Structure formats: C-alpha cells, structure tokens
Amino acid sequence: WVVESNPTIIELMEREYAEFSGDIYDRENVRVVNEIGRSYIRENN
C-alpha cells in the first residue's frame, strides 16, 4: 500500500519517475491511495 496525499507525486511516480523507481506504483501487489496517511489509517484500522 502507498498512501500519498499529493496527487502530483502520484502522477510523477506513475509517469516521469516510473522507470527510475522500478515502476513501483504499477506493481501487482502495490495499491496507491490518494489520501492523508493519518486519515486513511484511522478509517481503515
């Protein structure tokens, strides 16, 4: 799981930095959530 509050970071990681990062955001076992980390944990714990 990746919880990222900044949609620009998600877009950069999925496009411009995909190759550099090993395309981590596109891996089968990775789910990207655009939300504030504390809120996500509070709601899903």
PDB file of N, CA and C in Angstrom:
ATOM      1  N   TRP A   1       0.844  -1.177   0.000  1.00  0.00           N
ATOM      2  CA  TRP A   1       0.000   0.000   0.000  1.00  0.00           C
ATOM      3  C   TRP A   1       0.886   1.236   0.000  1.00  0.00           C
ATOM      4  N   VAL A   2       0.458   2.206  -0.792  1.00  0.00           N
ATOM      5  CA  VAL A   2       1.071   3.533  -0.794  1.00  0.00           C
ATOM      6  C   VAL A   2      -0.044   4.523  -0.500  1.00  0.00           C
ATOM      7  N   VAL A   3       0.108   5.287   0.561  1.00  0.00           N
ATOM      8  CA  VAL A   3      -0.863   6.328   0.880  1.00  0.00           C
ATOM      9  C   VAL A   3      -0.152   7.656   0.664  1.00  0.00           C
ATOM     10  N   GLU A   4      -0.568   8.372  -0.347  1.00  0.00           N
ATOM     11  CA  GLU A   4       0.067   9.638  -0.735  1.00  0.00           C
ATOM     12  C   GLU A   4      -1.001  10.716  -0.834  1.00  0.00           C
ATOM     13  N   SER A   5      -0.791  11.817  -0.128  1.00  0.00           N
ATOM     14  CA  SER A   5      -1.786  12.890  -0.106  1.00  0.00           C
ATOM     15  C   SER A   5      -1.655  13.852  -1.280  1.00  0.00           C
ATOM     16  N   ASN A   6      -0.542  13.798  -1.975  1.00  0.00           N
ATOM     17  CA  ASN A   6      -0.303  14.740  -3.066  1.00  0.00           C
ATOM     18  C   ASN A   6      -0.499  14.049  -4.419  1.00  0.00           C
ATOM     19  N   PRO A   7      -1.545  14.391  -5.148  1.00  0.00           N
ATOM     20  CA  PRO A   7      -1.798  13.739  -6.438  1.00  0.00           C
ATOM     21  C   PRO A   7      -0.698  13.992  -7.465  1.00  0.00           C
ATOM     22  N   THR A   8       0.028  15.082  -7.317  1.00  0.00           N
ATOM     23  CA  THR A   8       1.134  15.363  -8.238  1.00  0.00           C
ATOM     24  C   THR A   8       2.248  14.338  -8.058  1.00  0.00           C
ATOM     25  N   ILE A   9       2.526  13.953  -6.826  1.00  0.00           N
ATOM     26  CA  ILE A   9       3.546  12.934  -6.558  1.00  0.00           C
ATOM     27  C   ILE A   9       3.130  11.604  -7.178  1.00  0.00           C
ATOM     28  N   ILE A  10       1.869  11.255  -7.035  1.00  0.00           N
ATOM     29  CA  ILE A  10       1.377  10.007  -7.629  1.00  0.00           C
ATOM     30  C   ILE A  10       1.576  10.040  -9.140  1.00  0.00           C
ATOM     31  N   GLU A  11       1.197  11.130  -9.759  1.00  0.00           N
ATOM     32  CA  GLU A  11       1.345  11.257 -11.211  1.00  0.00           C
ATOM     33  C   GLU A  11       2.809  11.174 -11.627  1.00  0.00           C
ATOM     34  N   LEU A  12       3.682  11.844 -10.903  1.00  0.00           N
ATOM     35  CA  LEU A  12       5.111  11.790 -11.225  1.00  0.00           C
ATOM     36  C   LEU A  12       5.652  10.369 -11.098  1.00  0.00           C
ATOM     37  N   MET A  13       5.265   9.679 -10.035  1.00  0.00           N
ATOM     38  CA  MET A  13       5.759   8.317  -9.821  1.00  0.00           C
ATOM     39  C   MET A  13       5.213   7.342 -10.857  1.00  0.00           C
ATOM     40  N   GLU A  14       4.017   7.593 -11.351  1.00  0.00           N
ATOM     41  CA  GLU A  14       3.425   6.699 -12.346  1.00  0.00           C
ATOM     42  C   GLU A  14       3.927   6.990 -13.753  1.00  0.00           C
ATOM     43  N   ARG A  15       4.436   8.194 -13.981  1.00  0.00           N
ATOM     44  CA  ARG A  15       4.845   8.572 -15.336  1.00  0.00           C
ATOM     45  C   ARG A  15       6.328   8.891 -15.430  1.00  0.00           C
ATOM     46  N   GLU A  16       6.709  10.076 -14.980  1.00  0.00           N
ATOM     47  CA  GLU A  16       8.066  10.561 -15.209  1.00  0.00           C
ATOM     48  C   GLU A  16       9.135   9.805 -14.425  1.00  0.00           C
ATOM     49  N   TYR A  17       8.803   9.303 -13.238  1.00  0.00           N
ATOM     50  CA  TYR A  17       9.783   8.586 -12.430  1.00  0.00           C
ATOM     51  C   TYR A  17       9.523   7.086 -12.378  1.00  0.00           C
ATOM     52  N   ALA A  18       8.645   6.603 -13.221  1.00  0.00           N
ATOM     53  CA  ALA A  18       8.297   5.176 -13.200  1.00  0.00           C
ATOM     54  C   ALA A  18       9.521   4.296 -13.440  1.00  0.00           C
ATOM     55  N   GLU A  19      10.268   4.579 -14.465  1.00  0.00           N
ATOM     56  CA  GLU A  19      11.443   3.756 -14.771  1.00  0.00           C
ATOM     57  C   GLU A  19      12.490   3.880 -13.673  1.00  0.00           C
ATOM     58  N   PHE A  20      12.738   5.091 -13.207  1.00  0.00           N
ATOM     59  CA  PHE A  20      13.732   5.334 -12.161  1.00  0.00           C
ATOM     60  C   PHE A  20      13.388   4.576 -10.878  1.00  0.00           C
ATOM     61  N   SER A  21      12.099   4.529 -10.546  1.00  0.00           N
ATOM     62  CA  SER A  21      11.665   3.893  -9.293  1.00  0.00           C
ATOM     63  C   SER A  21      11.408   2.393  -9.440  1.00  0.00           C
ATOM     64  N   GLY A  22      11.689   1.857 -10.607  1.00  0.00           N
ATOM     65  CA  GLY A  22      11.387   0.447 -10.829  1.00  0.00           C
ATOM     66  C   GLY A  22       9.906   0.218 -11.041  1.00  0.00           C
ATOM     67  N   ASP A  23       9.216   1.272 -11.440  1.00  0.00           N
ATOM     68  CA  ASP A  23       7.772   1.231 -11.707  1.00  0.00           C
ATOM     69  C   ASP A  23       6.995   0.678 -10.512  1.00  0.00           C
ATOM     70  N   ILE A  24       7.420   1.103  -9.338  1.00  0.00           N
ATOM     71  CA  ILE A  24       6.863   0.560  -8.094  1.00  0.00           C
ATOM     72  C   ILE A  24       5.364   0.799  -7.941  1.00  0.00           C
ATOM     73  N   TYR A  25       4.859   1.919  -8.443  1.00  0.00           N
ATOM     74  CA  TYR A  25       3.433   2.218  -8.292  1.00  0.00           C
ATOM     75  C   TYR A  25       2.568   1.368  -9.214  1.00  0.00           C
ATOM     76  N   ASP A  26       3.170   0.666 -10.147  1.00  0.00           N
ATOM     77  CA  ASP A  26       2.404  -0.157 -11.081  1.00  0.00           C
ATOM     78  C   ASP A  26       2.547  -1.652 -10.795  1.00  0.00           C
ATOM     79  N   ARG A  27       3.167  -1.990  -9.697  1.00  0.00           N
ATOM     80  CA  ARG A  27       3.338  -3.402  -9.368  1.00  0.00           C
ATOM     81  C   ARG A  27       2.010  -4.013  -8.937  1.00  0.00           C
ATOM     82  N   GLU A  28       1.873  -5.288  -9.209  1.00  0.00           N
ATOM     83  CA  GLU A  28       0.625  -6.005  -8.924  1.00  0.00           C
ATOM     84  C   GLU A  28       0.256  -5.967  -7.443  1.00  0.00           C
ATOM     85  N   ASN A  29       1.260  -6.017  -6.574  1.00  0.00           N
ATOM     86  CA  ASN A  29       0.998  -6.077  -5.132  1.00  0.00           C
ATOM     87  C   ASN A  29       1.021  -4.702  -4.456  1.00  0.00           C
ATOM     88  N   VAL A  30       1.005  -3.626  -5.246  1.00  0.00           N
ATOM     89  CA  VAL A  30       1.012  -2.269  -4.697  1.00  0.00           C
ATOM     90  C   VAL A  30      -0.292  -1.573  -5.061  1.00  0.00           C
ATOM     91  N   ARG A  31      -0.921  -1.002  -4.063  1.00  0.00           N
ATOM     92  CA  ARG A  31      -2.143  -0.227  -4.288  1.00  0.00           C
ATOM     93  C   ARG A  31      -1.870   1.202  -3.843  1.00  0.00           C
ATOM     94  N   VAL A  32      -2.173   2.155  -4.692  1.00  0.00           N
ATOM     95  CA  VAL A  32      -1.926   3.559  -4.409  1.00  0.00           C
ATOM     96  C   VAL A  32      -3.236   4.226  -4.005  1.00  0.00           C
ATOM     97  N   VAL A  33      -3.207   4.902  -2.866  1.00  0.00           N
ATOM     98  CA  VAL A  33      -4.379   5.591  -2.345  1.00  0.00           C
ATOM     99  C   VAL A  33      -4.037   7.065  -2.206  1.00  0.00           C
ATOM    100  N   ASN A  34      -4.859   7.925  -2.777  1.00  0.00           N
ATOM    101  CA  ASN A  34      -4.665   9.371  -2.680  1.00  0.00           C
ATOM    102  C   ASN A  34      -5.459   9.887  -1.483  1.00  0.00           C
ATOM    103  N   GLU A  35      -4.780   9.904  -0.329  1.00  0.00           N
ATOM    104  CA  GLU A  35      -5.440  10.317   0.909  1.00  0.00           C
ATOM    105  C   GLU A  35      -4.362  10.701   1.918  1.00  0.00           C
ATOM    106  N   ILE A  36      -4.731  11.415   2.950  1.00  0.00           N
ATOM    107  CA  ILE A  36      -3.798  11.752   4.022  1.00  0.00           C
ATOM    108  C   ILE A  36      -3.583  10.501   4.865  1.00  0.00           C
ATOM    109  N   GLY A  37      -2.328  10.185   5.138  1.00  0.00           N
ATOM    110  CA  GLY A  37      -1.972   8.951   5.826  1.00  0.00           C
ATOM    111  C   GLY A  37      -2.712   8.712   7.126  1.00  0.00           C
ATOM    112  N   ARG A  38      -2.740   9.698   8.006  1.00  0.00           N
ATOM    113  CA  ARG A  38      -3.413   9.530   9.302  1.00  0.00           C
ATOM    114  C   ARG A  38      -4.898   9.254   9.133  1.00  0.00           C
ATOM    115  N   SER A  39      -5.515   9.962   8.212  1.00  0.00           N
ATOM    116  CA  SER A  39      -6.947   9.750   7.962  1.00  0.00           C
ATOM    117  C   SER A  39      -7.196   8.349   7.431  1.00  0.00           C
ATOM    118  N   TYR A  40      -6.348   7.913   6.520  1.00  0.00           N
ATOM    119  CA  TYR A  40      -6.515   6.587   5.938  1.00  0.00           C
ATOM    120  C   TYR A  40      -6.403   5.507   7.012  1.00  0.00           C
ATOM    121  N   ILE A  41      -5.398   5.623   7.863  1.00  0.00           N
ATOM    122  CA  ILE A  41      -5.207   4.623   8.917  1.00  0.00           C
ATOM    123  C   ILE A  41      -6.375   4.651   9.898  1.00  0.00           C
ATOM    124  N   ARG A  42      -6.819   5.841  10.278  1.00  0.00           N
ATOM    125  CA  ARG A  42      -7.941   5.968  11.210  1.00  0.00           C
ATOM    126  C   ARG A  42      -9.197   5.311  10.639  1.00  0.00           C
ATOM    127  N   GLU A  43      -9.451   5.503   9.347  1.00  0.00           N
ATOM    128  CA  GLU A  43     -10.661   4.976   8.721  1.00  0.00           C
ATOM    129  C   GLU A  43     -10.574   3.494   8.386  1.00  0.00           C
ATOM    130  N   ASN A  44      -9.363   2.969   8.241  1.00  0.00           N
ATOM    131  CA  ASN A  44      -9.204   1.591   7.779  1.00  0.00           C
ATOM    132  C   ASN A  44      -8.534   0.676   8.796  1.00  0.00           C
ATOM    133  N   ASN A  45      -8.451   1.092  10.023  1.00  0.00           N
ATOM    134  CA  ASN A  45      -7.798   0.276  11.038  1.00  0.00           C
ATOM    135  C   ASN A  45      -8.819  -0.352  11.950  1.00  0.00           C
TER     136      ASN A  45
END
